[in-house]
Every structure is written in structure tokens, then in C-alpha cells.
Protein backbone atom coordinates (compact mmCIF):
# COMPACT_ATOMS: atom_id res chain seq x y z
CA MET A 1 -24.67 -6.36 -2.24
CA GLN A 2 -23.45 -9.22 -0.04
CA ILE A 3 -21.46 -8.36 3.05
CA LEU A 4 -18.05 -10.05 3.27
CA ILE A 5 -16.12 -9.48 6.47
CA ILE A 6 -12.49 -8.72 6.02
CA ALA A 7 -10.64 -10.16 8.99
CA THR A 8 -7.89 -7.50 9.46
CA HIS A 9 -7.21 -4.36 11.36
CA ASN A 10 -4.67 -3.22 8.75
CA GLN A 11 -6.40 -0.45 6.79
CA LYS A 12 -3.86 -0.70 3.92
CA LYS A 13 -4.40 -4.43 3.64
CA LEU A 14 -8.24 -3.63 3.72
CA ALA A 15 -7.98 -1.19 0.79
CA GLU A 16 -6.17 -3.76 -1.38
CA LEU A 17 -8.97 -6.42 -0.48
CA GLU A 18 -11.63 -3.93 -1.28
CA ARG A 19 -10.35 -2.97 -4.76
CA ILE A 20 -10.34 -6.76 -5.81
CA LEU A 21 -13.70 -7.81 -4.20
CA LYS A 22 -15.99 -4.91 -5.00
CA PRO A 23 -16.25 -5.64 -8.58
CA LEU A 24 -17.78 -9.20 -7.64
CA GLY A 25 -20.67 -7.52 -5.77
CA PHE A 26 -19.27 -7.96 -2.32
CA CYS A 27 -19.48 -5.08 0.25
CA ALA A 28 -16.06 -5.68 1.97
CA GLN A 29 -16.07 -4.26 5.42
CA THR A 30 -14.12 -4.95 8.66
CA ALA A 31 -15.98 -6.42 11.43
CA GLU A 32 -16.04 -3.09 13.24
CA GLN A 33 -17.44 -1.29 10.12
CA ALA A 34 -20.33 -4.06 10.20
CA GLY A 35 -20.90 -3.43 14.04
CA PHE A 36 -18.93 -6.36 15.41
CA LEU A 37 -15.83 -6.62 17.74
CA LEU A 38 -13.67 -9.64 16.65
CA CYS A 39 -11.65 -11.53 19.34
CA GLU A 40 -8.05 -11.70 18.65
CA VAL A 41 -7.17 -14.97 16.94
CA GLU A 42 -4.05 -16.71 17.98
CA GLU A 43 -2.11 -17.65 14.77
CA THR A 44 -1.05 -21.10 15.74
CA GLY A 45 -0.74 -22.53 12.32
CA SER A 46 2.58 -23.56 10.76
CA THR A 47 1.76 -22.39 7.30
CA PHE A 48 0.21 -19.19 5.83
CA GLU A 49 -2.89 -21.17 4.67
CA GLU A 50 -3.53 -22.49 8.24
CA ASN A 51 -3.37 -19.07 9.68
CA ALA A 52 -5.49 -17.56 7.07
CA PHE A 53 -8.17 -20.26 7.63
CA LEU A 54 -7.96 -19.57 11.41
CA LYS A 55 -8.66 -15.91 11.04
CA ALA A 56 -11.49 -16.30 8.33
CA ASP A 57 -13.25 -18.95 10.35
CA ALA A 58 -13.22 -17.04 13.63
CA ALA A 59 -14.52 -13.99 11.92
CA MET A 60 -17.21 -15.90 10.27
CA ARG A 61 -18.35 -17.60 13.61
CA GLN A 62 -18.38 -14.16 15.32
CA THR A 63 -20.38 -12.34 12.88
CA GLY A 64 -22.50 -14.82 10.78
CA PHE A 65 -21.35 -13.42 7.52
CA PRO A 66 -18.87 -14.85 4.98
CA ALA A 67 -15.52 -13.78 5.96
CA VAL A 68 -12.11 -13.47 4.16
CA ALA A 69 -8.49 -13.45 5.65
CA ASP A 70 -5.06 -13.15 4.31
CA ASP A 71 -2.03 -14.28 5.86
CA SER A 72 1.17 -13.27 4.15
CA GLY A 73 4.90 -12.79 4.72
CA LEU A 74 8.27 -12.43 3.35
CA GLU A 75 10.43 -15.55 2.60
CA VAL A 76 14.15 -14.72 2.27
CA ASP A 77 16.43 -17.43 0.89
CA ALA A 78 19.64 -16.44 2.50
CA LEU A 79 17.77 -16.63 5.80
CA GLY A 80 16.36 -20.13 5.23
CA GLY A 81 12.88 -18.84 4.44
CA ALA A 82 12.69 -16.44 7.46
CA PRO A 83 10.92 -14.31 8.60
CA GLY A 84 8.07 -16.43 6.74
CA ILE A 85 4.94 -16.70 9.10
CA TYR A 86 6.61 -14.69 11.65
CA SER A 87 7.04 -11.63 9.31
CA ALA A 88 4.81 -9.47 11.39
CA ARG A 89 6.55 -10.30 14.61
CA TYR A 90 10.22 -10.45 13.31
CA ALA A 91 11.39 -7.64 15.39
CA GLY A 92 9.17 -8.47 18.36
CA GLU A 93 5.45 -8.25 19.10
CA GLY A 94 4.16 -4.72 17.95
CA ALA A 95 7.37 -3.59 16.39
CA PRO A 96 6.87 -0.92 13.68
CA ASP A 97 7.61 -1.57 10.09
CA ALA A 98 10.74 0.56 10.34
CA GLN A 99 12.19 -1.61 12.93
CA ARG A 100 11.33 -4.89 11.08
CA ASN A 101 13.06 -3.54 7.97
CA GLU A 102 16.11 -2.46 9.93
CA LYS A 103 16.33 -5.95 11.43
CA LEU A 104 16.01 -7.51 8.03
CA LEU A 105 18.92 -5.30 6.69
CA GLY A 106 21.05 -6.11 9.58
CA GLU A 107 20.48 -9.96 9.03
CA LEU A 108 21.44 -9.53 5.39
CA ALA A 109 24.51 -7.40 6.05
CA GLY A 110 27.35 -8.56 3.80
CA VAL A 111 25.13 -10.64 1.60
CA PRO A 112 25.75 -9.97 -2.03
CA ALA A 113 22.93 -8.83 -4.35
CA GLU A 114 22.70 -12.39 -6.18
CA ARG A 115 22.09 -14.09 -2.87
CA ARG A 116 19.34 -11.58 -1.64
CA THR A 117 16.40 -13.54 -3.57
CA ALA A 118 13.11 -13.66 -1.88
CA ARG A 119 9.46 -13.87 -2.34
CA PHE A 120 6.27 -12.48 -0.85
CA VAL A 121 3.72 -15.11 -0.26
CA SER A 122 -0.13 -14.62 0.41
CA ALA A 123 -2.56 -17.23 1.47
CA VAL A 124 -6.25 -15.98 1.26
CA CYS A 125 -9.06 -17.93 2.65
CA CYS A 126 -12.86 -17.24 2.51
CA VAL A 127 -15.19 -19.08 4.74
CA PHE A 128 -19.00 -19.08 4.32
CA PRO A 129 -21.57 -19.86 6.82
CA ASN A 130 -22.66 -22.95 5.08
CA GLY A 131 -19.26 -24.44 5.76
CA GLU A 132 -17.69 -23.85 2.42
CA VAL A 133 -14.17 -22.79 2.24
CA VAL A 134 -12.51 -21.11 -0.71
CA ARG A 135 -8.55 -20.82 -0.64
CA ALA A 136 -6.12 -19.16 -3.00
CA ARG A 137 -2.27 -18.56 -2.87
CA GLY A 138 -0.11 -16.04 -4.61
CA GLU A 139 3.59 -15.50 -4.76
CA CYS A 140 5.89 -12.70 -6.14
CA GLU A 141 9.49 -13.45 -6.65
CA GLY A 142 11.98 -10.57 -6.07
CA SER A 143 14.93 -9.51 -4.01
CA ILE A 144 15.85 -7.63 -0.91
CA ALA A 145 17.40 -4.09 -1.66
CA PHE A 146 20.37 -2.83 0.27
CA ALA A 147 18.32 0.27 1.55
CA THR A 148 14.54 1.17 1.85
CA GLY A 149 13.11 2.98 -1.04
CA GLY A 150 9.73 4.54 -1.94
CA THR A 151 6.91 5.86 0.40
CA GLY A 152 3.94 3.59 -0.52
CA GLY A 153 2.85 0.48 0.80
CA PHE A 154 3.55 -1.17 4.28
CA GLY A 155 5.43 -3.82 6.08
CA TYR A 156 8.60 -4.80 4.03
CA ASP A 157 7.48 -2.97 0.89
CA PRO A 158 10.33 -0.53 0.93
CA LEU A 159 12.84 -3.32 0.68
CA PHE A 160 11.28 -5.66 -1.64
CA LEU A 161 12.50 -5.24 -5.25
CA VAL A 162 10.50 -6.39 -8.23
CA GLY A 163 11.34 -5.17 -11.71
CA GLY A 164 13.92 -2.83 -10.64
CA LYS A 165 11.59 -1.05 -8.15
CA THR A 166 10.39 -1.76 -4.58
CA TYR A 167 6.86 -2.49 -3.76
CA ALA A 168 6.84 1.07 -2.17
CA GLU A 169 7.76 2.62 -5.19
CA LEU A 170 4.95 1.18 -7.38
CA SER A 171 1.46 2.63 -7.82
CA ASP A 172 -1.56 0.77 -6.36
CA ALA A 173 -2.36 -0.62 -9.81
CA GLU A 174 1.23 -1.55 -10.62
CA LYS A 175 1.51 -3.37 -7.31
CA ASP A 176 -1.89 -5.20 -7.60
CA ALA A 177 -0.83 -6.56 -11.04
CA VAL A 178 2.44 -8.15 -9.80
CA SER A 179 1.93 -8.57 -5.96
CA HIS A 180 1.47 -11.83 -4.06
CA ARG A 181 -1.77 -10.60 -2.60
CA GLY A 182 -2.95 -9.38 -6.02
CA ARG A 183 -2.31 -12.88 -7.34
CA ALA A 184 -4.00 -14.58 -4.47
CA LEU A 185 -6.96 -12.29 -4.70
CA SER A 186 -7.20 -12.71 -8.45
CA ALA A 187 -7.33 -16.45 -7.90
CA LEU A 188 -9.88 -16.09 -5.13
CA GLN A 189 -11.78 -13.68 -7.38
CA LYS A 190 -11.94 -16.36 -10.25
CA THR A 191 -13.20 -18.97 -7.84
CA LEU A 192 -15.83 -16.61 -6.22
CA ARG A 193 -16.99 -15.66 -9.63
CA GLU A 194 -17.52 -19.28 -10.66
CA ARG A 195 -19.36 -19.75 -7.35
CA ILE A 196 -21.76 -16.95 -7.75
CA GLY A 197 -22.18 -17.91 -11.30
């Protein structure tokens, strides 16, 4: 089974990536699990795609193994697409999920349900030692709730409504079927399956 380095420290994101990649014969591991310590990568890109490439390329160069990275975030129409690529740092560097959700609710105070449209975006990039790069993008349209709901997921999941439930109220299988990351990874899986024949 081929090792594929997952360039993330987020254990919940790792679990999602593992579920999708394992059937393809990849042993998905973090760099630490494979015995490497990755340097932090400055996300200087102006798009999700650019940041995903920066992270995957850095992980591949530091480990010598194929590496995959995801850069994802929430785009809220009433906020002009914010927080976008700054989703993880929306309430300040290192702020916990609850603080980011609280800030988002504050920014949307007084905004009616019909104007709370939003989407989650995921850009996934896989970089191979031979220089080959495989990219995929997934989106999930939804809206922002007026209060958090559910105990699953992470990040903005308790606020993002799709099909009447928040991401945090969906089972792993339900979320994978509709989520931005699930869609991006499904597209990545299809391309990787074609590549490995």
C-alpha cells in the first residue's frame, strides 16, 4: 500500500481524507505518523487552490512521499464572500471554533434567512515526487443558521445548513455525500483511480 502524506494537523480533517483514500490503496498518514516533522507553511496564496498546492508541495518535498493537502473555507454572500481563505483565522490566529462561529453570527446579526446564503469550498491538491500535480475542487451550497446546532464536525459545521440540518447534525456518511470536501475528494479519487489504472 502506497504511503500518501496528508498535510494537516487537523485530526478530523485527516479522518475524512482517510475514509476516501483508503479504498484506492493509499495508506494515508500525517507526516508525524510517517516519522517526519513538517515545517509550517505560510499560506500566501490568494485562492484555496494556491494554498492547497503550497501545503502539498512542501509536504512532498520534506518527506519524499506523495502528499495531499486541502484548503477549504466558508464563503458567505452577505459578507462579500468572507471569511473565504481566511476562515481559520477569521476571529484571530489560533481562535477556537466557538469564537469563529460567534464572530460570524455577530457579523450576520439582523440579516434575514433569505440573505444568509453561503457555500463551503474545498480545494484538494496531490503532489507526486515526479512533479505530477492532481487538483480537484468541491463546493456545497447552503446557508448560515441563526444559532449553532449539532455536536459533530468541526469549524463552522454547527452553523452551516444544508437540507434542513447543519453539517454538525449529519452522520459522517451523510456529510461525506454532500460536503465540499467529500465532493473534492470524490473528484480527486476519480482522477487518482484513472492515474493508477
